[in-house]
């Protein structure tokens, strides 16, 4: 398993950086920009990072992104951790007139599976999702 880890400030700018660097890392691993796998990971990271910033923020504490390339399984595990373990994510049935509340529904639709665990080695929680990615382009070209 290959892992990419990034600590980011619990701010909108930090969440945007996490999304962009996740996309860059996916491209480096062989899933190019604009491809389905890259776009899916980017969308899920955007949602989980935004949730960490909005609902899991503690002043002075960073959030963390981890991407774990699951070699042999053609998948990527996305983990976003924050320090608010008591604020667990809730899937809501947002009404058609509401501006928000659909993010975790989207994560559930795009990911093979997702969930929440205690943050390892620190206070807080980790929201994770597993995405099926197919074989990276670099591996296909080498065949």
N, C-alpha and C. Protein backbone atom coordinates (compact mmCIF):
# COMPACT_ATOMS: atom_id res chain seq x y z
N UNK A 1 0.85 -1.17 0.00
CA UNK A 1 0.00 0.00 0.00
C UNK A 1 0.90 1.24 0.00
N UNK A 2 0.55 2.20 -0.84
CA UNK A 2 1.26 3.47 -0.92
C UNK A 2 0.36 4.54 -0.34
N UNK A 3 0.92 5.43 0.49
CA UNK A 3 0.11 6.42 1.18
C UNK A 3 0.61 7.84 0.92
N UNK A 4 -0.33 8.74 0.74
CA UNK A 4 -0.08 10.18 0.64
C UNK A 4 -0.78 10.82 1.83
N UNK A 5 -0.06 11.64 2.61
CA UNK A 5 -0.63 12.28 3.79
C UNK A 5 -0.40 13.79 3.71
N UNK A 6 -1.41 14.55 4.08
CA UNK A 6 -1.33 16.00 4.08
C UNK A 6 -2.08 16.55 5.28
N UNK A 7 -1.40 17.33 6.10
CA UNK A 7 -2.08 18.11 7.14
C UNK A 7 -2.46 19.44 6.51
N UNK A 8 -3.72 19.85 6.72
CA UNK A 8 -4.16 21.12 6.15
C UNK A 8 -4.91 21.93 7.20
N UNK A 9 -4.84 23.25 7.06
CA UNK A 9 -5.53 24.11 8.00
C UNK A 9 -7.03 23.89 7.86
N UNK A 10 -7.72 23.97 8.98
CA UNK A 10 -9.16 23.75 8.99
C UNK A 10 -9.88 25.02 8.54
N UNK A 11 -9.61 25.39 7.30
CA UNK A 11 -10.18 26.59 6.68
C UNK A 11 -10.64 26.22 5.27
N UNK A 12 -11.49 27.03 4.66
CA UNK A 12 -11.87 26.75 3.27
C UNK A 12 -10.65 26.66 2.35
N UNK A 13 -9.66 27.51 2.56
CA UNK A 13 -8.45 27.45 1.74
C UNK A 13 -7.72 26.12 1.94
N UNK A 14 -7.67 25.64 3.17
CA UNK A 14 -7.04 24.34 3.44
C UNK A 14 -7.78 23.20 2.77
N UNK A 15 -9.12 23.25 2.80
CA UNK A 15 -9.93 22.21 2.15
C UNK A 15 -9.71 22.22 0.64
N UNK A 16 -9.61 23.41 0.07
CA UNK A 16 -9.36 23.53 -1.37
C UNK A 16 -7.99 22.96 -1.73
N UNK A 17 -6.98 23.24 -0.89
CA UNK A 17 -5.65 22.69 -1.11
C UNK A 17 -5.68 21.16 -1.04
N UNK A 18 -6.40 20.60 -0.07
CA UNK A 18 -6.50 19.14 0.05
C UNK A 18 -7.10 18.54 -1.22
N UNK A 19 -8.15 19.15 -1.73
CA UNK A 19 -8.79 18.66 -2.96
C UNK A 19 -7.82 18.70 -4.14
N UNK A 20 -7.14 19.81 -4.30
CA UNK A 20 -6.23 19.95 -5.44
C UNK A 20 -5.04 18.99 -5.35
N UNK A 21 -4.48 18.85 -4.15
CA UNK A 21 -3.33 17.94 -4.01
C UNK A 21 -3.75 16.48 -4.12
N UNK A 22 -4.98 16.16 -3.73
CA UNK A 22 -5.48 14.79 -3.93
C UNK A 22 -5.55 14.48 -5.42
N UNK A 23 -6.05 15.42 -6.20
CA UNK A 23 -6.12 15.23 -7.65
C UNK A 23 -4.73 15.10 -8.25
N UNK A 24 -3.81 15.92 -7.79
CA UNK A 24 -2.43 15.84 -8.28
C UNK A 24 -1.81 14.48 -7.93
N UNK A 25 -2.07 13.98 -6.72
CA UNK A 25 -1.51 12.68 -6.32
C UNK A 25 -2.12 11.56 -7.15
N UNK A 26 -3.41 11.62 -7.41
CA UNK A 26 -4.04 10.61 -8.26
C UNK A 26 -3.40 10.59 -9.64
N UNK A 27 -3.13 11.77 -10.20
CA UNK A 27 -2.46 11.85 -11.50
C UNK A 27 -1.07 11.23 -11.42
N UNK A 28 -0.34 11.51 -10.35
CA UNK A 28 1.00 10.94 -10.19
C UNK A 28 0.96 9.42 -10.07
N UNK A 29 -0.12 8.88 -9.51
CA UNK A 29 -0.27 7.43 -9.38
C UNK A 29 -0.77 6.78 -10.66
N UNK A 30 -1.12 7.56 -11.66
CA UNK A 30 -1.53 6.99 -12.94
C UNK A 30 -2.99 7.14 -13.30
N UNK A 31 -3.76 7.85 -12.49
CA UNK A 31 -5.15 8.13 -12.80
C UNK A 31 -5.22 9.60 -13.20
N UNK A 32 -5.25 9.90 -14.50
CA UNK A 32 -5.04 11.27 -14.99
C UNK A 32 -6.18 12.24 -14.63
N UNK A 33 -5.79 13.53 -14.64
CA UNK A 33 -6.77 14.60 -14.47
C UNK A 33 -7.90 14.42 -15.47
N UNK A 34 -9.12 14.63 -15.02
CA UNK A 34 -10.26 14.53 -15.92
C UNK A 34 -10.79 13.12 -16.12
N UNK A 35 -10.06 12.12 -15.61
CA UNK A 35 -10.54 10.75 -15.69
C UNK A 35 -11.54 10.47 -14.58
N UNK A 36 -12.30 9.41 -14.74
CA UNK A 36 -13.35 9.09 -13.77
C UNK A 36 -12.80 8.88 -12.37
N UNK A 37 -11.72 8.11 -12.22
CA UNK A 37 -11.17 7.83 -10.89
C UNK A 37 -10.68 9.11 -10.23
N UNK A 38 -9.95 9.93 -10.97
CA UNK A 38 -9.42 11.17 -10.43
C UNK A 38 -10.56 12.10 -10.01
N UNK A 39 -11.54 12.26 -10.88
CA UNK A 39 -12.67 13.14 -10.57
C UNK A 39 -13.46 12.65 -9.36
N UNK A 40 -13.65 11.33 -9.25
CA UNK A 40 -14.39 10.77 -8.12
C UNK A 40 -13.67 11.03 -6.81
N UNK A 41 -12.37 10.75 -6.79
CA UNK A 41 -11.59 11.00 -5.57
C UNK A 41 -11.60 12.49 -5.24
N UNK A 42 -11.45 13.33 -6.24
CA UNK A 42 -11.45 14.78 -6.01
C UNK A 42 -12.78 15.24 -5.40
N UNK A 43 -13.90 14.75 -5.91
CA UNK A 43 -15.21 15.12 -5.37
C UNK A 43 -15.38 14.67 -3.92
N UNK A 44 -14.97 13.44 -3.64
CA UNK A 44 -15.13 12.93 -2.28
C UNK A 44 -14.22 13.68 -1.31
N UNK A 45 -12.98 13.92 -1.71
CA UNK A 45 -12.07 14.70 -0.85
C UNK A 45 -12.65 16.09 -0.62
N UNK A 46 -13.19 16.72 -1.65
CA UNK A 46 -13.78 18.05 -1.50
C UNK A 46 -14.89 18.04 -0.46
N UNK A 47 -15.76 17.05 -0.51
CA UNK A 47 -16.87 16.96 0.42
C UNK A 47 -16.40 16.67 1.84
N UNK A 48 -15.53 15.68 2.00
CA UNK A 48 -15.07 15.32 3.34
C UNK A 48 -14.23 16.42 3.96
N UNK A 49 -13.39 17.08 3.16
CA UNK A 49 -12.58 18.19 3.68
C UNK A 49 -13.47 19.37 4.06
N UNK A 50 -14.46 19.67 3.23
CA UNK A 50 -15.38 20.76 3.56
C UNK A 50 -16.15 20.46 4.84
N UNK A 51 -16.56 19.21 5.02
CA UNK A 51 -17.25 18.83 6.25
C UNK A 51 -16.33 18.96 7.46
N UNK A 52 -15.07 18.56 7.32
CA UNK A 52 -14.12 18.67 8.43
C UNK A 52 -13.93 20.13 8.82
N UNK A 53 -13.86 21.00 7.84
CA UNK A 53 -13.68 22.43 8.09
C UNK A 53 -14.94 23.05 8.69
N UNK A 54 -16.10 22.64 8.20
CA UNK A 54 -17.37 23.23 8.65
C UNK A 54 -17.83 22.68 9.99
N UNK A 55 -17.73 21.37 10.17
CA UNK A 55 -18.31 20.73 11.35
C UNK A 55 -17.28 20.20 12.34
N UNK A 56 -16.03 20.05 11.93
CA UNK A 56 -15.02 19.44 12.79
C UNK A 56 -13.91 20.37 13.22
N UNK A 57 -14.08 21.64 12.95
CA UNK A 57 -13.01 22.60 13.20
C UNK A 57 -12.89 22.93 14.69
N UNK A 58 -11.65 22.91 15.16
CA UNK A 58 -11.29 23.43 16.48
C UNK A 58 -10.20 24.46 16.22
N UNK A 59 -10.37 25.70 16.68
CA UNK A 59 -9.36 26.72 16.41
C UNK A 59 -7.96 26.25 16.83
N UNK A 60 -7.01 26.48 15.93
CA UNK A 60 -5.62 26.10 16.20
C UNK A 60 -5.28 24.66 15.89
N UNK A 61 -6.24 23.87 15.46
CA UNK A 61 -5.99 22.46 15.13
C UNK A 61 -6.15 22.24 13.64
N UNK A 62 -5.27 21.44 13.08
CA UNK A 62 -5.32 21.11 11.66
C UNK A 62 -6.20 19.90 11.41
N UNK A 63 -6.58 19.72 10.17
CA UNK A 63 -7.23 18.50 9.71
C UNK A 63 -6.18 17.71 8.92
N UNK A 64 -6.50 16.47 8.58
CA UNK A 64 -5.53 15.64 7.86
C UNK A 64 -6.23 14.84 6.77
N UNK A 65 -5.57 14.77 5.62
CA UNK A 65 -6.01 13.95 4.49
C UNK A 65 -5.02 12.82 4.31
N UNK A 66 -5.54 11.62 4.12
CA UNK A 66 -4.70 10.48 3.74
C UNK A 66 -5.35 9.80 2.55
N UNK A 67 -4.54 9.53 1.53
CA UNK A 67 -4.95 8.70 0.41
C UNK A 67 -4.11 7.44 0.47
N UNK A 68 -4.75 6.30 0.49
CA UNK A 68 -4.04 5.02 0.54
C UNK A 68 -4.35 4.26 -0.74
N UNK A 69 -3.34 4.11 -1.56
CA UNK A 69 -3.48 3.36 -2.81
C UNK A 69 -3.46 1.88 -2.44
N UNK A 70 -4.53 1.19 -2.73
CA UNK A 70 -4.67 -0.22 -2.38
C UNK A 70 -4.20 -1.07 -3.56
N UNK A 71 -2.88 -1.26 -3.61
CA UNK A 71 -2.28 -2.02 -4.71
C UNK A 71 -2.88 -3.42 -4.76
N UNK A 72 -3.16 -3.89 -5.95
CA UNK A 72 -3.74 -5.21 -6.13
C UNK A 72 -5.25 -5.22 -6.03
N UNK A 73 -5.82 -4.19 -5.41
CA UNK A 73 -7.28 -4.10 -5.29
C UNK A 73 -7.85 -3.04 -6.22
N UNK A 74 -6.97 -2.31 -6.92
CA UNK A 74 -7.40 -1.24 -7.82
C UNK A 74 -8.38 -0.29 -7.14
N UNK A 75 -7.94 0.22 -5.99
CA UNK A 75 -8.77 1.16 -5.26
C UNK A 75 -7.94 2.14 -4.47
N UNK A 76 -8.61 3.17 -3.98
CA UNK A 76 -7.99 4.18 -3.14
C UNK A 76 -8.90 4.39 -1.93
N UNK A 77 -8.30 4.38 -0.76
CA UNK A 77 -9.02 4.70 0.48
C UNK A 77 -8.72 6.15 0.81
N UNK A 78 -9.76 6.92 0.99
CA UNK A 78 -9.66 8.34 1.33
C UNK A 78 -9.99 8.46 2.82
N UNK A 79 -9.16 9.18 3.55
CA UNK A 79 -9.43 9.43 4.97
C UNK A 79 -9.25 10.92 5.24
N UNK A 80 -10.23 11.52 5.88
CA UNK A 80 -10.11 12.91 6.33
C UNK A 80 -10.41 12.92 7.83
N UNK A 81 -9.44 13.42 8.59
CA UNK A 81 -9.54 13.43 10.05
C UNK A 81 -9.66 14.85 10.57
N UNK A 82 -10.45 15.00 11.64
CA UNK A 82 -10.54 16.28 12.35
C UNK A 82 -10.57 16.01 13.84
N UNK A 83 -10.58 17.05 14.65
CA UNK A 83 -10.47 16.88 16.10
C UNK A 83 -11.80 16.87 16.84
N UNK A 84 -12.91 16.88 16.13
CA UNK A 84 -14.22 16.90 16.78
C UNK A 84 -14.86 15.52 16.73
N UNK A 85 -14.40 14.62 17.58
CA UNK A 85 -14.92 13.26 17.61
C UNK A 85 -16.36 13.16 18.05
N UNK A 86 -16.85 14.15 18.78
CA UNK A 86 -18.23 14.11 19.26
C UNK A 86 -19.23 14.53 18.19
N UNK A 87 -18.75 15.11 17.10
CA UNK A 87 -19.63 15.56 16.02
C UNK A 87 -19.55 14.59 14.86
N UNK A 88 -20.36 13.55 14.91
CA UNK A 88 -20.33 12.53 13.86
C UNK A 88 -21.18 12.98 12.67
N UNK A 89 -20.76 12.60 11.47
CA UNK A 89 -21.53 12.99 10.29
C UNK A 89 -22.89 12.28 10.26
N UNK A 90 -23.87 12.99 9.76
CA UNK A 90 -25.22 12.46 9.66
C UNK A 90 -25.69 12.62 8.22
N UNK A 91 -26.17 11.51 7.65
CA UNK A 91 -26.74 11.57 6.31
C UNK A 91 -28.15 12.13 6.46
N UNK A 92 -28.41 13.22 5.77
CA UNK A 92 -29.72 13.86 5.86
C UNK A 92 -30.46 13.71 4.54
N UNK A 93 -31.76 13.75 4.64
CA UNK A 93 -32.60 13.79 3.45
C UNK A 93 -32.97 15.25 3.23
N UNK A 94 -32.08 15.97 2.54
CA UNK A 94 -32.27 17.40 2.34
C UNK A 94 -33.45 17.65 1.41
N UNK A 95 -34.26 18.61 1.77
CA UNK A 95 -35.37 18.99 0.92
C UNK A 95 -34.88 19.70 -0.33
N UNK A 96 -35.74 19.76 -1.33
CA UNK A 96 -35.34 20.33 -2.61
C UNK A 96 -35.03 21.82 -2.52
N UNK A 97 -35.52 22.49 -1.50
CA UNK A 97 -35.28 23.93 -1.35
C UNK A 97 -34.05 24.24 -0.51
N UNK A 98 -33.44 23.23 0.13
CA UNK A 98 -32.28 23.47 0.98
C UNK A 98 -31.01 23.61 0.15
N UNK A 99 -30.11 24.47 0.64
CA UNK A 99 -28.85 24.71 -0.06
C UNK A 99 -27.82 23.60 0.17
N UNK A 100 -27.85 22.95 1.31
CA UNK A 100 -26.84 21.94 1.63
C UNK A 100 -27.47 20.66 2.11
N UNK A 101 -26.62 19.78 2.62
CA UNK A 101 -27.11 18.55 3.21
C UNK A 101 -27.11 17.34 2.31
N UNK A 102 -26.53 17.45 1.12
CA UNK A 102 -26.53 16.33 0.18
C UNK A 102 -25.16 15.68 0.01
N UNK A 103 -24.15 16.23 0.65
CA UNK A 103 -22.78 15.78 0.43
C UNK A 103 -22.53 14.33 0.76
N UNK A 104 -23.00 13.88 1.91
CA UNK A 104 -22.75 12.49 2.29
C UNK A 104 -23.57 11.52 1.44
N UNK A 105 -24.71 11.97 0.94
CA UNK A 105 -25.47 11.14 0.00
C UNK A 105 -24.64 10.94 -1.26
N UNK A 106 -24.00 12.01 -1.72
CA UNK A 106 -23.12 11.92 -2.89
C UNK A 106 -21.93 10.99 -2.62
N UNK A 107 -21.32 11.13 -1.44
CA UNK A 107 -20.20 10.25 -1.08
C UNK A 107 -20.66 8.80 -1.11
N UNK A 108 -21.82 8.52 -0.54
CA UNK A 108 -22.35 7.16 -0.54
C UNK A 108 -22.61 6.62 -1.93
N UNK A 109 -23.01 7.49 -2.84
CA UNK A 109 -23.28 7.06 -4.22
C UNK A 109 -21.99 6.81 -5.00
N UNK A 110 -20.95 7.57 -4.72
CA UNK A 110 -19.70 7.45 -5.48
C UNK A 110 -18.74 6.40 -4.92
N UNK A 111 -18.77 6.18 -3.61
CA UNK A 111 -17.82 5.27 -2.97
C UNK A 111 -18.37 3.84 -2.93
N UNK A 112 -17.43 2.87 -2.94
CA UNK A 112 -17.84 1.47 -2.74
C UNK A 112 -18.37 1.29 -1.33
N UNK A 113 -17.74 1.98 -0.37
CA UNK A 113 -18.18 1.98 1.02
C UNK A 113 -17.59 3.20 1.70
N UNK A 114 -18.19 3.60 2.82
CA UNK A 114 -17.65 4.71 3.59
C UNK A 114 -18.09 4.55 5.04
N UNK A 115 -17.41 5.26 5.94
CA UNK A 115 -17.76 5.17 7.35
C UNK A 115 -16.97 6.16 8.18
N UNK A 116 -17.08 5.98 9.50
CA UNK A 116 -16.41 6.86 10.46
C UNK A 116 -15.74 6.00 11.51
N UNK A 117 -14.52 6.36 11.88
CA UNK A 117 -13.80 5.67 12.95
C UNK A 117 -13.17 6.72 13.87
N UNK A 118 -12.73 6.28 15.04
CA UNK A 118 -11.96 7.16 15.90
C UNK A 118 -10.66 7.50 15.20
N UNK A 119 -10.18 8.69 15.41
CA UNK A 119 -8.91 9.13 14.80
C UNK A 119 -7.77 8.41 15.50
N UNK A 120 -6.95 7.69 14.73
CA UNK A 120 -5.86 6.93 15.36
C UNK A 120 -4.77 7.85 15.90
N UNK A 121 -4.42 7.67 17.16
CA UNK A 121 -3.30 8.38 17.75
C UNK A 121 -3.55 9.83 18.10
N UNK A 122 -4.79 10.29 18.00
CA UNK A 122 -5.11 11.69 18.31
C UNK A 122 -6.60 11.80 18.60
N UNK A 123 -7.00 12.86 19.29
CA UNK A 123 -8.44 13.03 19.51
C UNK A 123 -9.16 13.36 18.21
N UNK A 124 -10.40 12.92 18.12
CA UNK A 124 -11.20 13.25 16.95
C UNK A 124 -11.71 12.03 16.22
N UNK A 125 -12.06 12.26 14.96
CA UNK A 125 -12.63 11.20 14.14
C UNK A 125 -11.99 11.21 12.76
N UNK A 126 -12.14 10.09 12.07
CA UNK A 126 -11.71 9.97 10.68
C UNK A 126 -12.91 9.49 9.87
N UNK A 127 -13.27 10.26 8.87
CA UNK A 127 -14.30 9.85 7.92
C UNK A 127 -13.57 9.30 6.71
N UNK A 128 -13.93 8.09 6.30
CA UNK A 128 -13.20 7.40 5.23
C UNK A 128 -14.17 6.94 4.14
N UNK A 129 -13.61 6.77 2.96
CA UNK A 129 -14.36 6.23 1.83
C UNK A 129 -13.41 5.44 0.96
N UNK A 130 -13.90 4.36 0.37
CA UNK A 130 -13.10 3.54 -0.54
C UNK A 130 -13.70 3.70 -1.94
N UNK A 131 -12.82 3.99 -2.89
CA UNK A 131 -13.23 4.21 -4.27
C UNK A 131 -12.58 3.16 -5.15
N UNK A 132 -13.37 2.48 -5.97
CA UNK A 132 -12.82 1.59 -6.99
C UNK A 132 -12.27 2.44 -8.12
N UNK A 133 -11.05 2.19 -8.52
CA UNK A 133 -10.40 3.07 -9.49
C UNK A 133 -10.07 2.40 -10.81
N UNK A 134 -10.09 1.10 -10.86
CA UNK A 134 -9.59 0.42 -12.05
C UNK A 134 -8.07 0.46 -12.06
N UNK A 135 -7.49 -0.10 -13.07
CA UNK A 135 -6.03 -0.16 -13.18
C UNK A 135 -5.50 1.21 -13.59
N UNK A 136 -4.44 1.71 -12.91
CA UNK A 136 -3.89 3.00 -13.30
C UNK A 136 -3.39 2.99 -14.74
N UNK A 137 -3.47 4.13 -15.40
CA UNK A 137 -3.05 4.25 -16.79
C UNK A 137 -1.60 3.82 -16.97
N UNK A 138 -0.73 4.17 -16.04
CA UNK A 138 0.69 3.80 -16.14
C UNK A 138 0.85 2.29 -16.19
N UNK A 139 0.04 1.55 -15.43
CA UNK A 139 0.12 0.08 -15.44
C UNK A 139 -0.41 -0.48 -16.75
N UNK A 140 -1.45 0.11 -17.30
CA UNK A 140 -2.01 -0.37 -18.56
C UNK A 140 -1.02 -0.16 -19.70
N UNK A 141 -0.31 0.97 -19.68
CA UNK A 141 0.64 1.25 -20.75
C UNK A 141 1.83 0.31 -20.70
N UNK A 142 2.16 -0.19 -19.50
CA UNK A 142 3.31 -1.07 -19.34
C UNK A 142 3.03 -2.51 -19.72
N UNK A 143 1.78 -2.84 -20.03
CA UNK A 143 1.42 -4.23 -20.35
C UNK A 143 1.75 -4.56 -21.78
